[in-house]
Structure formats: structure tokens, C-alpha cells
Amino acid sequence: MDSLLYVGGADDNDTDEEDEDDEGADVAEAEEAKAAAAAKSAPKPVDFEALQRAGYASSSLTSTDTYARLTKEEEEAREEEKKERERKEREAFEAKVAEEEARINLLDKKKIDARVGYKKRFDETHEDFRSKEKRKRQLGQQNRDGNWVEEEKRQLRHSGANFDS
């Protein structure tokens, strides 16, 4: 056999083939190592018995206690946001109503007069313009002596026609 090894050792082609086989073996080993690493990093299969022991009754995620708790918390958060939004809207509406009422009170002449204490003469005497005019004429307290034009206008005014322009 030694003679065969010797003959094989002198042949260059045999060593090249052996080297190629060694390179092919190295590539195959590298691929196997990659496959083993991928198998280690791959997710492990689910153990359904362990899940049942942990409290999961079925494969449906919506039937778990955690899902029910999270759903309830989300619903409570939505309700809280809705109540907060309604409260803000109500406060804004009440503020607008109060502002409008304050503006109306500020511009209402009767309320201004009541606040200041101003009273019209009519409120005390209940005397209208015609009776006041008549009284002043009788007492001689007209602004001027009066002329016939003003007297004619007064008579026409009392008759229902108004020619003052």
C-alpha cells in the first residue's frame, strides 16, 4: 500500500482534487453552522399546555383577562375624555351666556337709570306732553312769548296733523 501512497503523492492532480473536496467540506460545514444558528434564533414552538397553566383558556386573545382589563381601561379613558369635553363646552356656553347678559345689562337704558338713580319726571307726575304744554301755557312759562305760527302749529299738532318738518 505504501507504493500506492507514493504513486498518489507524486500525482499533482490527486492533491488538487483533495483540496477541492476539503474546500467543499468547509463550505458545507459553514452552511450547517449557519443553519444551526438560525435554528437557535428561530422562535420556539408554542406550548399550549403551559399557556393553559398560565391562565389562558383558549387561543382567542379577546377572551383573556388582560384583554378585558385593557379594553375596560380604554373605554373608561374615552368616557373620561368625553365628560371633560362636555364640561368644557358647557363652561364655554355658560361663559358666553354670562357675557351676553352682562352686555345687555350694560346697554339697557332702564337698568342704567335705575343704577344711577335717574328718574324721569313722567315717572313721578304721570303727566304727558300735552298736559305739560297746557300747564306751562296757563302759567305763562313758555320758552318764548310765542307767535301765531307756533300757536297754529300747536293747534294742528293737537288736531292730529303734524306740519313740523
Protein backbone atom coordinates (compact mmCIF):
# COMPACT_ATOMS: atom_id res chain seq x y z
CA MET A 1 0.00 0.00 0.00
CA ASP A 2 2.89 2.21 0.57
CA SER A 3 3.67 2.03 -3.04
CA LEU A 4 0.19 3.26 -3.88
CA LEU A 5 0.53 6.15 -1.49
CA TYR A 6 3.82 7.00 -3.03
CA VAL A 7 2.38 7.00 -6.50
CA GLY A 8 -0.57 9.04 -5.31
CA GLY A 9 1.72 11.52 -3.57
CA ALA A 10 3.64 12.23 -6.75
CA ASP A 11 0.50 12.91 -8.75
CA ASP A 12 -0.40 16.59 -8.70
CA ASN A 13 -3.97 16.05 -9.87
CA ASP A 14 -4.79 13.94 -6.83
CA THR A 15 -3.84 16.69 -4.38
CA ASP A 16 -5.88 19.28 -6.23
CA GLU A 17 -8.92 17.09 -6.08
CA GLU A 18 -8.38 16.50 -2.40
CA ASP A 19 -8.07 20.26 -1.80
CA GLU A 20 -11.32 20.87 -3.68
CA ASP A 21 -13.01 18.24 -1.57
CA ASP A 22 -11.66 19.94 1.57
CA GLU A 23 -12.97 23.33 0.35
CA GLY A 24 -16.37 21.78 -0.39
CA ALA A 25 -16.40 20.28 3.09
CA ASP A 26 -15.56 23.68 4.63
CA VAL A 27 -18.43 25.35 2.72
CA ALA A 28 -20.82 22.60 3.78
CA GLU A 29 -19.72 22.98 7.41
CA ALA A 30 -20.25 26.75 7.24
CA GLU A 31 -23.73 26.26 5.83
CA GLU A 32 -24.53 23.77 8.59
CA ALA A 33 -23.27 26.25 11.21
CA LYS A 34 -25.49 28.98 9.73
CA ALA A 35 -28.48 26.63 9.73
CA ALA A 36 -27.81 25.71 13.38
CA ALA A 37 -27.57 29.40 14.36
CA ALA A 38 -30.83 30.14 12.51
CA ALA A 39 -32.50 27.23 14.28
CA LYS A 40 -31.36 28.58 17.65
CA SER A 41 -32.67 32.08 16.88
CA ALA A 42 -35.94 30.82 15.42
CA PRO A 43 -38.97 31.16 17.70
CA LYS A 44 -39.71 28.13 19.77
CA PRO A 45 -42.97 26.32 19.18
CA VAL A 46 -45.82 27.40 21.45
CA ASP A 47 -46.54 25.10 24.37
CA PHE A 48 -50.33 25.29 24.70
CA GLU A 49 -50.33 23.34 27.96
CA ALA A 50 -48.05 25.94 29.55
CA LEU A 51 -50.36 28.72 28.33
CA GLN A 52 -53.37 26.99 29.88
CA ARG A 53 -51.50 26.66 33.18
CA ALA A 54 -50.74 30.41 32.97
CA GLY A 55 -54.46 31.23 32.76
CA TYR A 56 -55.22 31.30 29.07
CA ALA A 57 -58.40 29.32 28.48
CA SER A 58 -58.46 29.39 24.70
CA SER A 59 -56.47 30.53 21.74
CA SER A 60 -58.66 33.63 21.36
CA LEU A 61 -56.87 36.73 22.63
CA THR A 62 -60.14 38.59 23.18
CA SER A 63 -61.19 36.22 25.95
CA THR A 64 -58.18 36.85 28.21
CA ASP A 65 -58.34 38.81 31.45
CA THR A 66 -55.63 41.17 30.24
CA TYR A 67 -57.57 41.99 27.08
CA ALA A 68 -60.74 42.60 29.08
CA ARG A 69 -58.86 44.86 31.52
CA LEU A 70 -57.20 46.85 28.74
CA THR A 71 -60.50 47.21 26.88
CA LYS A 72 -62.19 48.42 30.05
CA GLU A 73 -59.39 50.93 30.70
CA GLU A 74 -59.63 52.26 27.13
CA GLU A 75 -63.41 52.63 27.45
CA GLU A 76 -63.03 54.45 30.77
CA ALA A 77 -60.44 56.76 29.21
CA ARG A 78 -62.79 57.51 26.30
CA GLU A 79 -65.66 58.23 28.70
CA GLU A 80 -63.43 60.50 30.78
CA GLU A 81 -62.36 62.42 27.66
CA LYS A 82 -65.99 62.73 26.58
CA LYS A 83 -67.03 64.06 30.01
CA GLU A 84 -64.13 66.52 30.01
CA ARG A 85 -65.04 67.74 26.52
CA GLU A 86 -68.71 68.14 27.51
CA ARG A 87 -67.71 70.02 30.68
CA LYS A 88 -65.53 72.42 28.69
CA GLU A 89 -68.31 73.00 26.15
CA ARG A 90 -70.82 73.64 28.96
CA GLU A 91 -68.44 76.09 30.67
CA ALA A 92 -67.82 77.90 27.38
CA PHE A 93 -71.59 78.15 26.75
CA GLU A 94 -72.23 79.44 30.28
CA ALA A 95 -69.44 81.99 29.85
CA LYS A 96 -70.98 83.20 26.57
CA VAL A 97 -74.42 83.47 28.19
CA ALA A 98 -72.99 85.42 31.14
CA GLU A 99 -71.07 87.72 28.78
CA GLU A 100 -74.18 88.36 26.69
CA GLU A 101 -76.24 89.08 29.80
CA ALA A 102 -73.58 91.48 31.08
CA ARG A 103 -73.51 93.24 27.71
CA ILE A 104 -77.30 93.55 27.68
CA ASN A 105 -77.30 94.92 31.25
CA LEU A 106 -74.55 97.36 30.33
CA LEU A 107 -76.50 98.75 27.38
CA ASP A 108 -80.02 98.68 28.87
CA LYS A 109 -81.05 102.29 29.50
CA LYS A 110 -83.69 101.45 32.10
CA LYS A 111 -81.21 99.45 34.14
CA ILE A 112 -78.61 102.21 33.79
CA ASP A 113 -81.16 104.76 35.01
CA ALA A 114 -82.11 102.52 37.95
CA ARG A 115 -78.46 102.04 38.88
CA VAL A 116 -77.63 105.75 38.66
CA GLY A 117 -80.86 106.80 40.32
CA TYR A 118 -82.14 108.89 37.41
CA LYS A 119 -85.90 109.25 37.28
CA LYS A 120 -87.90 110.85 34.58
CA ARG A 121 -90.44 113.48 35.55
CA PHE A 122 -93.22 111.43 33.97
CA ASP A 123 -92.50 108.56 36.41
CA GLU A 124 -93.36 110.87 39.32
CA THR A 125 -96.14 113.05 37.87
CA HIS A 126 -97.56 110.79 35.13
CA GLU A 127 -98.06 113.98 33.12
CA ASP A 128 -97.86 113.58 29.35
CA PHE A 129 -96.55 116.16 26.87
CA ARG A 130 -99.93 117.77 26.09
CA SER A 131 -100.87 118.34 29.70
CA LYS A 132 -97.40 119.69 30.43
CA GLU A 133 -97.67 122.07 27.46
CA LYS A 134 -101.12 123.22 28.59
CA ARG A 135 -99.96 123.80 32.17
CA LYS A 136 -96.97 125.85 31.07
CA ARG A 137 -99.14 127.92 28.73
CA GLN A 138 -101.60 128.66 31.50
CA LEU A 139 -98.84 129.60 33.94
CA GLY A 140 -97.13 131.74 31.34
CA GLN A 141 -93.95 129.67 31.47
CA GLN A 142 -93.49 129.16 27.76
CA ASN A 143 -89.92 129.40 26.50
CA ARG A 144 -90.78 132.42 24.39
CA ASP A 145 -93.75 134.68 24.12
CA GLY A 146 -94.80 132.57 21.20
CA ASN A 147 -96.02 133.81 17.89
CA TRP A 148 -99.05 132.97 15.85
CA VAL A 149 -97.11 130.45 13.70
CA GLU A 150 -96.16 128.41 16.74
CA GLU A 151 -99.71 128.61 18.05
CA GLU A 152 -101.08 127.44 14.70
CA LYS A 153 -98.62 124.56 14.67
CA ARG A 154 -99.68 123.62 18.19
CA GLN A 155 -103.33 123.60 17.21
CA LEU A 156 -102.60 121.49 14.12
CA ARG A 157 -100.45 119.13 16.20
CA HIS A 158 -103.33 118.58 18.61
CA SER A 159 -105.71 118.00 15.75
CA GLY A 160 -103.63 115.05 14.55
CA ALA A 161 -101.69 116.51 11.64
CA ASN A 162 -98.01 117.25 12.07
CA PHE A 163 -96.53 120.01 9.95
CA ASP A 164 -93.27 120.33 11.81
CA SER A 165 -90.59 119.24 9.44
